[in-house]
């Protein structure tokens, strides 16, 4: 996730896609399977809800979707951190990059929400 696009729809899509690529590459274990399912859902939800926000029916609808994006990005950080364990030591760099990206997305959505309040 070195060159991040400016377009937030594209960026959230790429985040979800990178998460899926990671999950496909992980070894089979119960924690990887369960945490992988969760992070696939939350990362995809960031992208899907941002698309929904852009197609908002009202300002209230946009704000609600943006808050969901922030919540799902924050949740993605949790699941990615749980996957960063000794069993997945060979994926430490990509996990760190994805955690950083999820945190940056969370901050972007927080900023959008705050700016829309004013």
PDB file of N, CA and C in Angstrom:
ATOM      1  N   UNK A   1       0.827  -1.175   0.000  1.00  0.00           N
ATOM      2  CA  UNK A   1       0.000   0.000   0.000  1.00  0.00           C
ATOM      3  C   UNK A   1       0.884   1.255   0.000  1.00  0.00           C
ATOM      4  N   UNK A   2       1.931   1.219  -0.772  1.00  0.00           N
ATOM      5  CA  UNK A   2       2.887   2.326  -0.813  1.00  0.00           C
ATOM      6  C   UNK A   2       2.291   3.564  -1.479  1.00  0.00           C
ATOM      7  N   UNK A   3       1.815   3.435  -2.704  1.00  0.00           N
ATOM      8  CA  UNK A   3       1.226   4.553  -3.431  1.00  0.00           C
ATOM      9  C   UNK A   3      -0.283   4.528  -3.255  1.00  0.00           C
ATOM     10  N   UNK A   4      -0.756   5.321  -2.328  1.00  0.00           N
ATOM     11  CA  UNK A   4      -2.187   5.331  -2.039  1.00  0.00           C
ATOM     12  C   UNK A   4      -2.897   6.324  -2.940  1.00  0.00           C
ATOM     13  N   UNK A   5      -3.970   5.907  -3.565  1.00  0.00           N
ATOM     14  CA  UNK A   5      -4.706   6.844  -4.427  1.00  0.00           C
ATOM     15  C   UNK A   5      -5.392   7.925  -3.603  1.00  0.00           C
ATOM     16  N   UNK A   6      -5.580   9.066  -4.204  1.00  0.00           N
ATOM     17  CA  UNK A   6      -6.275  10.177  -3.553  1.00  0.00           C
ATOM     18  C   UNK A   6      -7.769   9.880  -3.444  1.00  0.00           C
ATOM     19  N   UNK A   7      -8.316   9.181  -4.432  1.00  0.00           N
ATOM     20  CA  UNK A   7      -9.730   8.821  -4.466  1.00  0.00           C
ATOM     21  C   UNK A   7     -10.016   7.839  -3.330  1.00  0.00           C
ATOM     22  N   UNK A   8     -10.843   8.252  -2.388  1.00  0.00           N
ATOM     23  CA  UNK A   8     -11.103   7.441  -1.200  1.00  0.00           C
ATOM     24  C   UNK A   8     -11.871   6.163  -1.529  1.00  0.00           C
ATOM     25  N   UNK A   9     -12.720   6.195  -2.546  1.00  0.00           N
ATOM     26  CA  UNK A   9     -13.404   4.959  -2.960  1.00  0.00           C
ATOM     27  C   UNK A   9     -12.375   3.939  -3.431  1.00  0.00           C
ATOM     28  N   UNK A  10     -11.435   4.382  -4.236  1.00  0.00           N
ATOM     29  CA  UNK A  10     -10.390   3.488  -4.728  1.00  0.00           C
ATOM     30  C   UNK A  10      -9.498   3.017  -3.589  1.00  0.00           C
ATOM     31  N   UNK A  11      -9.171   3.924  -2.700  1.00  0.00           N
ATOM     32  CA  UNK A  11      -8.290   3.573  -1.573  1.00  0.00           C
ATOM     33  C   UNK A  11      -8.934   2.544  -0.656  1.00  0.00           C
ATOM     34  N   UNK A  12     -10.214   2.707  -0.347  1.00  0.00           N
ATOM     35  CA  UNK A  12     -10.881   1.733   0.520  1.00  0.00           C
ATOM     36  C   UNK A  12     -11.029   0.387  -0.189  1.00  0.00           C
ATOM     37  N   UNK A  13     -11.269   0.420  -1.506  1.00  0.00           N
ATOM     38  CA  UNK A  13     -11.321  -0.820  -2.281  1.00  0.00           C
ATOM     39  C   UNK A  13      -9.987  -1.549  -2.226  1.00  0.00           C
ATOM     40  N   UNK A  14      -8.903  -0.817  -2.453  1.00  0.00           N
ATOM     41  CA  UNK A  14      -7.577  -1.434  -2.432  1.00  0.00           C
ATOM     42  C   UNK A  14      -7.240  -1.998  -1.054  1.00  0.00           C
ATOM     43  N   UNK A  15      -7.669  -1.309  -0.006  1.00  0.00           N
ATOM     44  CA  UNK A  15      -7.457  -1.818   1.350  1.00  0.00           C
ATOM     45  C   UNK A  15      -8.159  -3.168   1.519  1.00  0.00           C
ATOM     46  N   UNK A  16      -9.412  -3.241   1.136  1.00  0.00           N
ATOM     47  CA  UNK A  16     -10.164  -4.498   1.247  1.00  0.00           C
ATOM     48  C   UNK A  16      -9.523  -5.592   0.394  1.00  0.00           C
ATOM     49  N   UNK A  17      -9.060  -5.227  -0.778  1.00  0.00           N
ATOM     50  CA  UNK A  17      -8.421  -6.199  -1.672  1.00  0.00           C
ATOM     51  C   UNK A  17      -7.105  -6.711  -1.082  1.00  0.00           C
ATOM     52  N   UNK A  18      -6.293  -5.819  -0.526  1.00  0.00           N
ATOM     53  CA  UNK A  18      -5.027  -6.210   0.101  1.00  0.00           C
ATOM     54  C   UNK A  18      -5.270  -7.137   1.296  1.00  0.00           C
ATOM     55  N   UNK A  19      -6.314  -6.849   2.062  1.00  0.00           N
ATOM     56  CA  UNK A  19      -6.655  -7.712   3.199  1.00  0.00           C
ATOM     57  C   UNK A  19      -6.984  -9.113   2.696  1.00  0.00           C
ATOM     58  N   UNK A  20      -7.761  -9.210   1.646  1.00  0.00           N
ATOM     59  CA  UNK A  20      -8.116 -10.520   1.100  1.00  0.00           C
ATOM     60  C   UNK A  20      -6.888 -11.270   0.588  1.00  0.00           C
ATOM     61  N   UNK A  21      -5.993 -10.554  -0.073  1.00  0.00           N
ATOM     62  CA  UNK A  21      -4.763 -11.179  -0.551  1.00  0.00           C
ATOM     63  C   UNK A  21      -3.964 -11.746   0.624  1.00  0.00           C
ATOM     64  N   UNK A  22      -3.889 -10.995   1.702  1.00  0.00           N
ATOM     65  CA  UNK A  22      -3.198 -11.477   2.899  1.00  0.00           C
ATOM     66  C   UNK A  22      -3.871 -12.727   3.448  1.00  0.00           C
ATOM     67  N   UNK A  23      -5.164 -12.696   3.601  1.00  0.00           N
ATOM     68  CA  UNK A  23      -5.886 -13.814   4.207  1.00  0.00           C
ATOM     69  C   UNK A  23      -5.707 -15.083   3.385  1.00  0.00           C
ATOM     70  N   UNK A  24      -5.730 -14.955   2.056  1.00  0.00           N
ATOM     71  CA  UNK A  24      -5.497 -16.124   1.200  1.00  0.00           C
ATOM     72  C   UNK A  24      -4.130 -16.752   1.467  1.00  0.00           C
ATOM     73  N   UNK A  25      -3.162 -15.945   1.857  1.00  0.00           N
ATOM     74  CA  UNK A  25      -1.793 -16.433   2.006  1.00  0.00           C
ATOM     75  C   UNK A  25      -1.463 -16.978   3.391  1.00  0.00           C
ATOM     76  N   UNK A  26      -2.350 -16.798   4.352  1.00  0.00           N
ATOM     77  CA  UNK A  26      -2.058 -17.241   5.715  1.00  0.00           C
ATOM     78  C   UNK A  26      -2.185 -18.750   5.857  1.00  0.00           C
ATOM     79  N   UNK A  27      -1.399 -19.288   6.782  1.00  0.00           N
ATOM     80  CA  UNK A  27      -1.499 -20.710   7.093  1.00  0.00           C
ATOM     81  C   UNK A  27      -2.839 -21.025   7.741  1.00  0.00           C
ATOM     82  N   UNK A  28      -3.221 -22.279   7.654  1.00  0.00           N
ATOM     83  CA  UNK A  28      -4.508 -22.697   8.210  1.00  0.00           C
ATOM     84  C   UNK A  28      -4.369 -22.936   9.709  1.00  0.00           C
ATOM     85  N   UNK A  29      -5.196 -22.234  10.455  1.00  0.00           N
ATOM     86  CA  UNK A  29      -5.319 -22.429  11.896  1.00  0.00           C
ATOM     87  C   UNK A  29      -6.676 -21.862  12.295  1.00  0.00           C
ATOM     88  N   UNK A  30      -7.176 -22.259  13.426  1.00  0.00           N
ATOM     89  CA  UNK A  30      -8.478 -21.745  13.869  1.00  0.00           C
ATOM     90  C   UNK A  30      -8.428 -20.231  14.074  1.00  0.00           C
ATOM     91  N   UNK A  31      -7.413 -19.696  14.764  1.00  0.00           N
ATOM     92  CA  UNK A  31      -7.383 -18.232  14.908  1.00  0.00           C
ATOM     93  C   UNK A  31      -7.277 -17.492  13.570  1.00  0.00           C
ATOM     94  N   UNK A  32      -6.436 -17.991  12.652  1.00  0.00           N
ATOM     95  CA  UNK A  32      -6.330 -17.333  11.349  1.00  0.00           C
ATOM     96  C   UNK A  32      -7.662 -17.358  10.618  1.00  0.00           C
ATOM     97  N   UNK A  33      -8.351 -18.473  10.674  1.00  0.00           N
ATOM     98  CA  UNK A  33      -9.639 -18.586   9.989  1.00  0.00           C
ATOM     99  C   UNK A  33     -10.661 -17.624  10.584  1.00  0.00           C
ATOM    100  N   UNK A  34     -10.789 -17.650  11.901  1.00  0.00           N
ATOM    101  CA  UNK A  34     -11.810 -16.820  12.547  1.00  0.00           C
ATOM    102  C   UNK A  34     -11.467 -15.328  12.462  1.00  0.00           C
ATOM    103  N   UNK A  35     -10.227 -14.966  12.769  1.00  0.00           N
ATOM    104  CA  UNK A  35      -9.839 -13.558  12.683  1.00  0.00           C
ATOM    105  C   UNK A  35      -9.842 -13.092  11.229  1.00  0.00           C
ATOM    106  N   UNK A  36      -9.464 -13.988  10.318  1.00  0.00           N
ATOM    107  CA  UNK A  36      -9.489 -13.673   8.892  1.00  0.00           C
ATOM    108  C   UNK A  36     -10.889 -13.357   8.402  1.00  0.00           C
ATOM    109  N   UNK A  37     -11.863 -14.156   8.833  1.00  0.00           N
ATOM    110  CA  UNK A  37     -13.255 -13.888   8.446  1.00  0.00           C
ATOM    111  C   UNK A  37     -13.684 -12.500   8.914  1.00  0.00           C
ATOM    112  N   UNK A  38     -13.316 -12.176  10.131  1.00  0.00           N
ATOM    113  CA  UNK A  38     -13.731 -10.890  10.701  1.00  0.00           C
ATOM    114  C   UNK A  38     -13.099  -9.711   9.962  1.00  0.00           C
ATOM    115  N   UNK A  39     -11.794  -9.814   9.669  1.00  0.00           N
ATOM    116  CA  UNK A  39     -11.132  -8.694   9.004  1.00  0.00           C
ATOM    117  C   UNK A  39     -11.572  -8.573   7.546  1.00  0.00           C
ATOM    118  N   UNK A  40     -11.912  -9.677   6.915  1.00  0.00           N
ATOM    119  CA  UNK A  40     -12.459  -9.607   5.556  1.00  0.00           C
ATOM    120  C   UNK A  40     -13.779  -8.831   5.593  1.00  0.00           C
ATOM    121  N   UNK A  41     -14.618  -9.127   6.574  1.00  0.00           N
ATOM    122  CA  UNK A  41     -15.911  -8.426   6.687  1.00  0.00           C
ATOM    123  C   UNK A  41     -15.712  -6.941   6.982  1.00  0.00           C
ATOM    124  N   UNK A  42     -14.880  -6.641   7.984  1.00  0.00           N
ATOM    125  CA  UNK A  42     -14.747  -5.236   8.381  1.00  0.00           C
ATOM    126  C   UNK A  42     -14.063  -4.397   7.302  1.00  0.00           C
ATOM    127  N   UNK A  43     -13.044  -4.945   6.643  1.00  0.00           N
ATOM    128  CA  UNK A  43     -12.365  -4.177   5.591  1.00  0.00           C
ATOM    129  C   UNK A  43     -13.289  -3.947   4.395  1.00  0.00           C
ATOM    130  N   UNK A  44     -14.066  -4.948   4.048  1.00  0.00           N
ATOM    131  CA  UNK A  44     -15.031  -4.794   2.960  1.00  0.00           C
ATOM    132  C   UNK A  44     -16.123  -3.808   3.314  1.00  0.00           C
ATOM    133  N   UNK A  45     -16.488  -3.781   4.585  1.00  0.00           N
ATOM    134  CA  UNK A  45     -17.522  -2.862   5.040  1.00  0.00           C
ATOM    135  C   UNK A  45     -17.060  -1.410   4.953  1.00  0.00           C
ATOM    136  N   UNK A  46     -15.779  -1.161   5.193  1.00  0.00           N
ATOM    137  CA  UNK A  46     -15.253   0.204   5.034  1.00  0.00           C
ATOM    138  C   UNK A  46     -15.507   0.667   3.599  1.00  0.00           C
ATOM    139  N   UNK A  47     -15.124  -0.163   2.645  1.00  0.00           N
ATOM    140  CA  UNK A  47     -15.275   0.197   1.227  1.00  0.00           C
ATOM    141  C   UNK A  47     -16.747   0.318   0.830  1.00  0.00           C
ATOM    142  N   UNK A  48     -17.555  -0.649   1.216  1.00  0.00           N
ATOM    143  CA  UNK A  48     -18.968  -0.648   0.828  1.00  0.00           C
ATOM    144  C   UNK A  48     -19.716   0.535   1.435  1.00  0.00           C
ATOM    145  N   UNK A  49     -19.437   0.838   2.688  1.00  0.00           N
ATOM    146  CA  UNK A  49     -20.140   1.952   3.321  1.00  0.00           C
ATOM    147  C   UNK A  49     -19.680   3.300   2.792  1.00  0.00           C
ATOM    148  N   UNK A  50     -18.437   3.389   2.331  1.00  0.00           N
ATOM    149  CA  UNK A  50     -18.019   4.649   1.724  1.00  0.00           C
ATOM    150  C   UNK A  50     -18.728   4.862   0.387  1.00  0.00           C
ATOM    151  N   UNK A  51     -18.906   3.797  -0.362  1.00  0.00           N
ATOM    152  CA  UNK A  51     -19.689   3.902  -1.607  1.00  0.00           C
ATOM    153  C   UNK A  51     -21.110   4.354  -1.275  1.00  0.00           C
ATOM    154  N   UNK A  52     -21.687   3.753  -0.250  1.00  0.00           N
ATOM    155  CA  UNK A  52     -23.040   4.148   0.189  1.00  0.00           C
ATOM    156  C   UNK A  52     -23.066   5.615   0.615  1.00  0.00           C
ATOM    157  N   UNK A  53     -22.029   6.047   1.330  1.00  0.00           N
ATOM    158  CA  UNK A  53     -21.975   7.446   1.770  1.00  0.00           C
ATOM    159  C   UNK A  53     -21.970   8.385   0.574  1.00  0.00           C
ATOM    160  N   UNK A  54     -21.231   8.021  -0.461  1.00  0.00           N
ATOM    161  CA  UNK A  54     -21.175   8.868  -1.647  1.00  0.00           C
ATOM    162  C   UNK A  54     -22.492   8.913  -2.398  1.00  0.00           C
ATOM    163  N   UNK A  55     -23.332   7.945  -2.175  1.00  0.00           N
ATOM    164  CA  UNK A  55     -24.663   7.915  -2.806  1.00  0.00           C
ATOM    165  C   UNK A  55     -25.748   8.309  -1.801  1.00  0.00           C
ATOM    166  N   UNK A  56     -25.366   9.090  -0.803  1.00  0.00           N
ATOM    167  CA  UNK A  56     -26.253   9.441   0.310  1.00  0.00           C
ATOM    168  C   UNK A  56     -27.544  10.115  -0.152  1.00  0.00           C
ATOM    169  N   UNK A  57     -28.582   9.888   0.629  1.00  0.00           N
ATOM    170  CA  UNK A  57     -29.873  10.493   0.360  1.00  0.00           C
ATOM    171  C   UNK A  57     -30.053  11.803   1.119  1.00  0.00           C
ATOM    172  N   UNK A  58     -29.260  11.971   2.167  1.00  0.00           N
ATOM    173  CA  UNK A  58     -29.315  13.193   2.973  1.00  0.00           C
ATOM    174  C   UNK A  58     -27.978  13.362   3.686  1.00  0.00           C
ATOM    175  N   UNK A  59     -27.782  14.524   4.278  1.00  0.00           N
ATOM    176  CA  UNK A  59     -26.557  14.739   5.059  1.00  0.00           C
ATOM    177  C   UNK A  59     -26.494  13.783   6.234  1.00  0.00           C
ATOM    178  N   UNK A  60     -27.632  13.523   6.833  1.00  0.00           N
ATOM    179  CA  UNK A  60     -27.686  12.596   7.969  1.00  0.00           C
ATOM    180  C   UNK A  60     -27.254  11.195   7.526  1.00  0.00           C
ATOM    181  N   UNK A  61     -27.688  10.786   6.355  1.00  0.00           N
ATOM    182  CA  UNK A  61     -27.311   9.485   5.806  1.00  0.00           C
ATOM    183  C   UNK A  61     -25.798   9.421   5.570  1.00  0.00           C
ATOM    184  N   UNK A  62     -25.222  10.481   4.988  1.00  0.00           N
ATOM    185  CA  UNK A  62     -23.771  10.515   4.760  1.00  0.00           C
ATOM    186  C   UNK A  62     -23.022  10.397   6.080  1.00  0.00           C
ATOM    187  N   UNK A  63     -23.438  11.189   7.064  1.00  0.00           N
ATOM    188  CA  UNK A  63     -22.759  11.181   8.361  1.00  0.00           C
ATOM    189  C   UNK A  63     -22.821   9.797   9.007  1.00  0.00           C
ATOM    190  N   UNK A  64     -23.964   9.163   8.914  1.00  0.00           N
ATOM    191  CA  UNK A  64     -24.138   7.818   9.478  1.00  0.00           C
ATOM    192  C   UNK A  64     -23.188   6.833   8.800  1.00  0.00           C
ATOM    193  N   UNK A  65     -23.111   6.864   7.485  1.00  0.00           N
ATOM    194  CA  UNK A  65     -22.237   5.946   6.738  1.00  0.00           C
ATOM    195  C   UNK A  65     -20.766   6.222   7.034  1.00  0.00           C
ATOM    196  N   UNK A  66     -20.405   7.485   7.143  1.00  0.00           N
ATOM    197  CA  UNK A  66     -19.020   7.832   7.459  1.00  0.00           C
ATOM    198  C   UNK A  66     -18.636   7.305   8.841  1.00  0.00           C
ATOM    199  N   UNK A  67     -19.562   7.370   9.775  1.00  0.00           N
ATOM    200  CA  UNK A  67     -19.302   6.837  11.123  1.00  0.00           C
ATOM    201  C   UNK A  67     -19.143   5.316  11.091  1.00  0.00           C
ATOM    202  N   UNK A  68     -19.915   4.656  10.248  1.00  0.00           N
ATOM    203  CA  UNK A  68     -19.756   3.208  10.103  1.00  0.00           C
ATOM    204  C   UNK A  68     -18.381   2.903   9.502  1.00  0.00           C
ATOM    205  N   UNK A  69     -17.964   3.682   8.510  1.00  0.00           N
ATOM    206  CA  UNK A  69     -16.632   3.491   7.914  1.00  0.00           C
ATOM    207  C   UNK A  69     -15.553   3.601   8.981  1.00  0.00           C
ATOM    208  N   UNK A  70     -15.653   4.613   9.816  1.00  0.00           N
ATOM    209  CA  UNK A  70     -14.663   4.807  10.882  1.00  0.00           C
ATOM    210  C   UNK A  70     -14.671   3.622  11.850  1.00  0.00           C
ATOM    211  N   UNK A  71     -15.854   3.184  12.228  1.00  0.00           N
ATOM    212  CA  UNK A  71     -15.989   2.056  13.150  1.00  0.00           C
ATOM    213  C   UNK A  71     -15.400   0.784  12.558  1.00  0.00           C
ATOM    214  N   UNK A  72     -15.671   0.527  11.297  1.00  0.00           N
ATOM    215  CA  UNK A  72     -15.173  -0.685  10.644  1.00  0.00           C
ATOM    216  C   UNK A  72     -13.663  -0.623  10.417  1.00  0.00           C
ATOM    217  N   UNK A  73     -13.130   0.556  10.154  1.00  0.00           N
ATOM    218  CA  UNK A  73     -11.675   0.706  10.030  1.00  0.00           C
ATOM    219  C   UNK A  73     -11.007   0.420  11.370  1.00  0.00           C
ATOM    220  N   UNK A  74     -11.607   0.926  12.437  1.00  0.00           N
ATOM    221  CA  UNK A  74     -11.075   0.679  13.779  1.00  0.00           C
ATOM    222  C   UNK A  74     -11.132  -0.811  14.116  1.00  0.00           C
ATOM    223  N   UNK A  75     -12.218  -1.456  13.736  1.00  0.00           N
ATOM    224  CA  UNK A  75     -12.354  -2.894  13.959  1.00  0.00           C
ATOM    225  C   UNK A  75     -11.315  -3.667  13.133  1.00  0.00           C
ATOM    226  N   UNK A  76     -11.052  -3.216  11.929  1.00  0.00           N
ATOM    227  CA  UNK A  76     -10.039  -3.859  11.091  1.00  0.00           C
ATOM    228  C   UNK A  76      -8.671  -3.836  11.768  1.00  0.00           C
ATOM    229  N   UNK A  77      -8.356  -2.727  12.431  1.00  0.00           N
ATOM    230  CA  UNK A  77      -7.089  -2.632  13.163  1.00  0.00           C
ATOM    231  C   UNK A  77      -7.013  -3.749  14.196  1.00  0.00           C
ATOM    232  N   UNK A  78      -8.081  -3.948  14.941  1.00  0.00           N
ATOM    233  CA  UNK A  78      -8.098  -5.001  15.971  1.00  0.00           C
ATOM    234  C   UNK A  78      -7.804  -6.372  15.375  1.00  0.00           C
ATOM    235  N   UNK A  79      -8.530  -6.757  14.332  1.00  0.00           N
ATOM    236  CA  UNK A  79      -8.365  -8.100  13.753  1.00  0.00           C
ATOM    237  C   UNK A  79      -6.985  -8.269  13.139  1.00  0.00           C
ATOM    238  N   UNK A  80      -6.475  -7.227  12.503  1.00  0.00           N
ATOM    239  CA  UNK A  80      -5.130  -7.313  11.925  1.00  0.00           C
ATOM    240  C   UNK A  80      -4.070  -7.452  13.016  1.00  0.00           C
ATOM    241  N   UNK A  81      -4.254  -6.748  14.127  1.00  0.00           N
ATOM    242  CA  UNK A  81      -3.313  -6.887  15.247  1.00  0.00           C
ATOM    243  C   UNK A  81      -3.357  -8.294  15.824  1.00  0.00           C
ATOM    244  N   UNK A  82      -4.547  -8.881  15.873  1.00  0.00           N
ATOM    245  CA  UNK A  82      -4.663 -10.252  16.379  1.00  0.00           C
ATOM    246  C   UNK A  82      -3.979 -11.252  15.445  1.00  0.00           C
ATOM    247  N   UNK A  83      -3.974 -10.953  14.171  1.00  0.00           N
ATOM    248  CA  UNK A  83      -3.294 -11.828  13.210  1.00  0.00           C
ATOM    249  C   UNK A  83      -1.772 -11.685  13.271  1.00  0.00           C
ATOM    250  N   UNK A  84      -1.307 -10.605  13.843  1.00  0.00           N
ATOM    251  CA  UNK A  84       0.143 -10.374  13.970  1.00  0.00           C
ATOM    252  C   UNK A  84       0.644 -11.136  15.198  1.00  0.00           C
ATOM    253  N   UNK A  85       0.915 -12.422  14.989  1.00  0.00           N
ATOM    254  CA  UNK A  85       1.321 -13.310  16.069  1.00  0.00           C
ATOM    255  C   UNK A  85       2.479 -14.188  15.582  1.00  0.00           C
ATOM    256  N   UNK A  86       3.108 -14.950  16.473  1.00  0.00           N
ATOM    257  CA  UNK A  86       4.263 -15.768  16.052  1.00  0.00           C
ATOM    258  C   UNK A  86       3.956 -16.746  14.918  1.00  0.00           C
ATOM    259  N   UNK A  87       2.741 -17.248  14.843  1.00  0.00           N
ATOM    260  CA  UNK A  87       2.363 -18.174  13.780  1.00  0.00           C
ATOM    261  C   UNK A  87       2.443 -17.507  12.406  1.00  0.00           C
ATOM    262  N   UNK A  88       2.215 -16.193  12.368  1.00  0.00           N
ATOM    263  CA  UNK A  88       2.218 -15.435  11.116  1.00  0.00           C
ATOM    264  C   UNK A  88       3.434 -14.517  11.011  1.00  0.00           C
ATOM    265  N   UNK A  89       4.515 -14.888  11.636  1.00  0.00           N
ATOM    266  CA  UNK A  89       5.728 -14.050  11.669  1.00  0.00           C
ATOM    267  C   UNK A  89       6.191 -13.659  10.264  1.00  0.00           C
ATOM    268  N   UNK A  90       6.039 -14.542   9.299  1.00  0.00           N
ATOM    269  CA  UNK A  90       6.487 -14.251   7.927  1.00  0.00           C
ATOM    270  C   UNK A  90       5.610 -13.203   7.230  1.00  0.00           C
ATOM    271  N   UNK A  91       4.496 -12.814   7.840  1.00  0.00           N
ATOM    272  CA  UNK A  91       3.585 -11.808   7.267  1.00  0.00           C
ATOM    273  C   UNK A  91       3.605 -10.504   8.070  1.00  0.00           C
ATOM    274  N   UNK A  92       4.580 -10.365   8.951  1.00  0.00           N
ATOM    275  CA  UNK A  92       4.638  -9.227   9.864  1.00  0.00           C
ATOM    276  C   UNK A  92       4.644  -7.885   9.122  1.00  0.00           C
ATOM    277  N   UNK A  93       5.408  -7.777   8.040  1.00  0.00           N
ATOM    278  CA  UNK A  93       5.505  -6.505   7.312  1.00  0.00           C
ATOM    279  C   UNK A  93       4.179  -6.111   6.676  1.00  0.00           C
ATOM    280  N   UNK A  94       3.545  -7.048   5.988  1.00  0.00           N
ATOM    281  CA  UNK A  94       2.263  -6.721   5.344  1.00  0.00           C
ATOM    282  C   UNK A  94       1.190  -6.435   6.392  1.00  0.00           C
ATOM    283  N   UNK A  95       1.223  -7.174   7.503  1.00  0.00           N
ATOM    284  CA  UNK A  95       0.274  -6.893   8.579  1.00  0.00           C
ATOM    285  C   UNK A  95       0.499  -5.488   9.134  1.00  0.00           C
ATOM    286  N   UNK A  96       1.743  -5.109   9.333  1.00  0.00           N
ATOM    287  CA  UNK A  96       2.041  -3.755   9.832  1.00  0.00           C
ATOM    288  C   UNK A  96       1.568  -2.692   8.849  1.00  0.00           C
ATOM    289  N   UNK A  97       1.795  -2.920   7.559  1.00  0.00           N
ATOM    290  CA  UNK A  97       1.333  -1.969   6.538  1.00  0.00           C
ATOM    291  C   UNK A  97      -0.190  -1.846   6.543  1.00  0.00           C
ATOM    292  N   UNK A  98      -0.875  -2.979   6.666  1.00  0.00           N
ATOM    293  CA  UNK A  98      -2.343  -2.951   6.664  1.00  0.00           C
ATOM    294  C   UNK A  98      -2.897  -2.313   7.938  1.00  0.00           C
ATOM    295  N   UNK A  99      -2.247  -2.544   9.056  1.00  0.00           N
ATOM    296  CA  UNK A  99      -2.667  -1.895  10.305  1.00  0.00           C
ATOM    297  C   UNK A  99      -2.511  -0.383  10.169  1.00  0.00           C
ATOM    298  N   UNK A 100      -1.396   0.032   9.608  1.00  0.00           N
ATOM    299  CA  UNK A 100      -1.166   1.463   9.399  1.00  0.00           C
ATOM    300  C   UNK A 100      -2.228   2.050   8.473  1.00  0.00           C
ATOM    301  N   UNK A 101      -2.543   1.349   7.400  1.00  0.00           N
ATOM    302  CA  UNK A 101      -3.555   1.843   6.450  1.00  0.00           C
ATOM    303  C   UNK A 101      -4.932   1.907   7.110  1.00  0.00           C
ATOM    304  N   UNK A 102      -5.302   0.896   7.864  1.00  0.00           N
ATOM    305  CA  UNK A 102      -6.601   0.907   8.550  1.00  0.00           C
ATOM    306  C   UNK A 102      -6.666   2.078   9.527  1.00  0.00           C
ATOM    307  N   UNK A 103      -5.571   2.326  10.240  1.00  0.00           N
ATOM    308  CA  UNK A 103      -5.531   3.451  11.173  1.00  0.00           C
ATOM    309  C   UNK A 103      -5.629   4.779  10.425  1.00  0.00           C
ATOM    310  N   UNK A 104      -4.955   4.900   9.296  1.00  0.00           N
ATOM    311  CA  UNK A 104      -5.048   6.131   8.501  1.00  0.00           C
ATOM    312  C   UNK A 104      -6.467   6.340   7.984  1.00  0.00           C
ATOM    313  N   UNK A 105      -7.113   5.267   7.544  1.00  0.00           N
ATOM    314  CA  UNK A 105      -8.507   5.383   7.091  1.00  0.00           C
ATOM    315  C   UNK A 105      -9.402   5.823   8.243  1.00  0.00           C
ATOM    316  N   UNK A 106      -9.178   5.273   9.412  1.00  0.00           N
ATOM    317  CA  UNK A 106      -9.956   5.664  10.594  1.00  0.00           C
ATOM    318  C   UNK A 106      -9.783   7.164  10.844  1.00  0.00           C
ATOM    319  N   UNK A 107      -8.564   7.653  10.742  1.00  0.00           N
ATOM    320  CA  UNK A 107      -8.288   9.074  10.962  1.00  0.00           C
ATOM    321  C   UNK A 107      -8.928   9.948   9.882  1.00  0.00           C
ATOM    322  N   UNK A 108      -8.886   9.482   8.650  1.00  0.00           N
ATOM    323  CA  UNK A 108      -9.523  10.226   7.553  1.00  0.00           C
ATOM    324  C   UNK A 108     -11.020  10.350   7.804  1.00  0.00           C
ATOM    325  N   UNK A 109     -11.659   9.244   8.173  1.00  0.00           N
ATOM    326  CA  UNK A 109     -13.102   9.302   8.420  1.00  0.00           C
ATOM    327  C   UNK A 109     -13.426  10.139   9.649  1.00  0.00           C
ATOM    328  N   UNK A 110     -12.570  10.095  10.656  1.00  0.00           N
ATOM    329  CA  UNK A 110     -12.764  10.960  11.829  1.00  0.00           C
ATOM    330  C   UNK A 110     -12.709  12.429  11.420  1.00  0.00           C
ATOM    331  N   UNK A 111     -11.759  12.769  10.558  1.00  0.00           N
ATOM    332  CA  UNK A 111     -11.622  14.136  10.086  1.00  0.00           C
ATOM    333  C   UNK A 111     -12.844  14.564   9.274  1.00  0.00           C
ATOM    334  N   UNK A 112     -13.313  13.700   8.410  1.00  0.00           N
ATOM    335  CA  UNK A 112     -14.517  14.000   7.609  1.00  0.00           C
ATOM    336  C   UNK A 112     -15.697  14.260   8.526  1.00  0.00           C
ATOM    337  N   UNK A 113     -15.868  13.401   9.515  1.00  0.00           N
ATOM    338  CA  UNK A 113     -16.993  13.545  10.457  1.00  0.00           C
ATOM    339  C   UNK A 113     -16.896  14.860  11.217  1.00  0.00           C
ATOM    340  N   UNK A 114     -15.702  15.186  11.708  1.00  0.00           N
ATOM    341  CA  UNK A 114     -15.506  16.421  12.469  1.00  0.00           C
ATOM    342  C   UNK A 114     -15.754  17.640  11.595  1.00  0.00           C
ATOM    343  N   UNK A 115     -15.261  17.640  10.364  1.00  0.00           N
ATOM    344  CA  UNK A 115     -15.453  18.788   9.479  1.00  0.00           C
ATOM    345  C   UNK A 115     -16.910  18.989   9.133  1.00  0.00           C
ATOM    346  N   UNK A 116     -17.655  17.907   9.034  1.00  0.00           N
ATOM    347  CA  UNK A 116     -19.070  18.025   8.688  1.00  0.00           C
ATOM    348  C   UNK A 116     -19.908  18.525   9.857  1.00  0.00           C
ATOM    349  N   UNK A 117     -19.383  18.396  11.066  1.00  0.00           N
ATOM    350  CA  UNK A 117     -20.088  18.916  12.252  1.00  0.00           C
ATOM    351  C   UNK A 117     -20.102  20.439  12.232  1.00  0.00           C
ATOM    352  N   UNK A 118     -19.051  21.041  11.700  1.00  0.00           N
ATOM    353  CA  UNK A 118     -18.894  22.505  11.748  1.00  0.00           C
ATOM    354  C   UNK A 118     -19.542  23.199  10.599  1.00  0.00           C
TER     355      UNK A 118
END
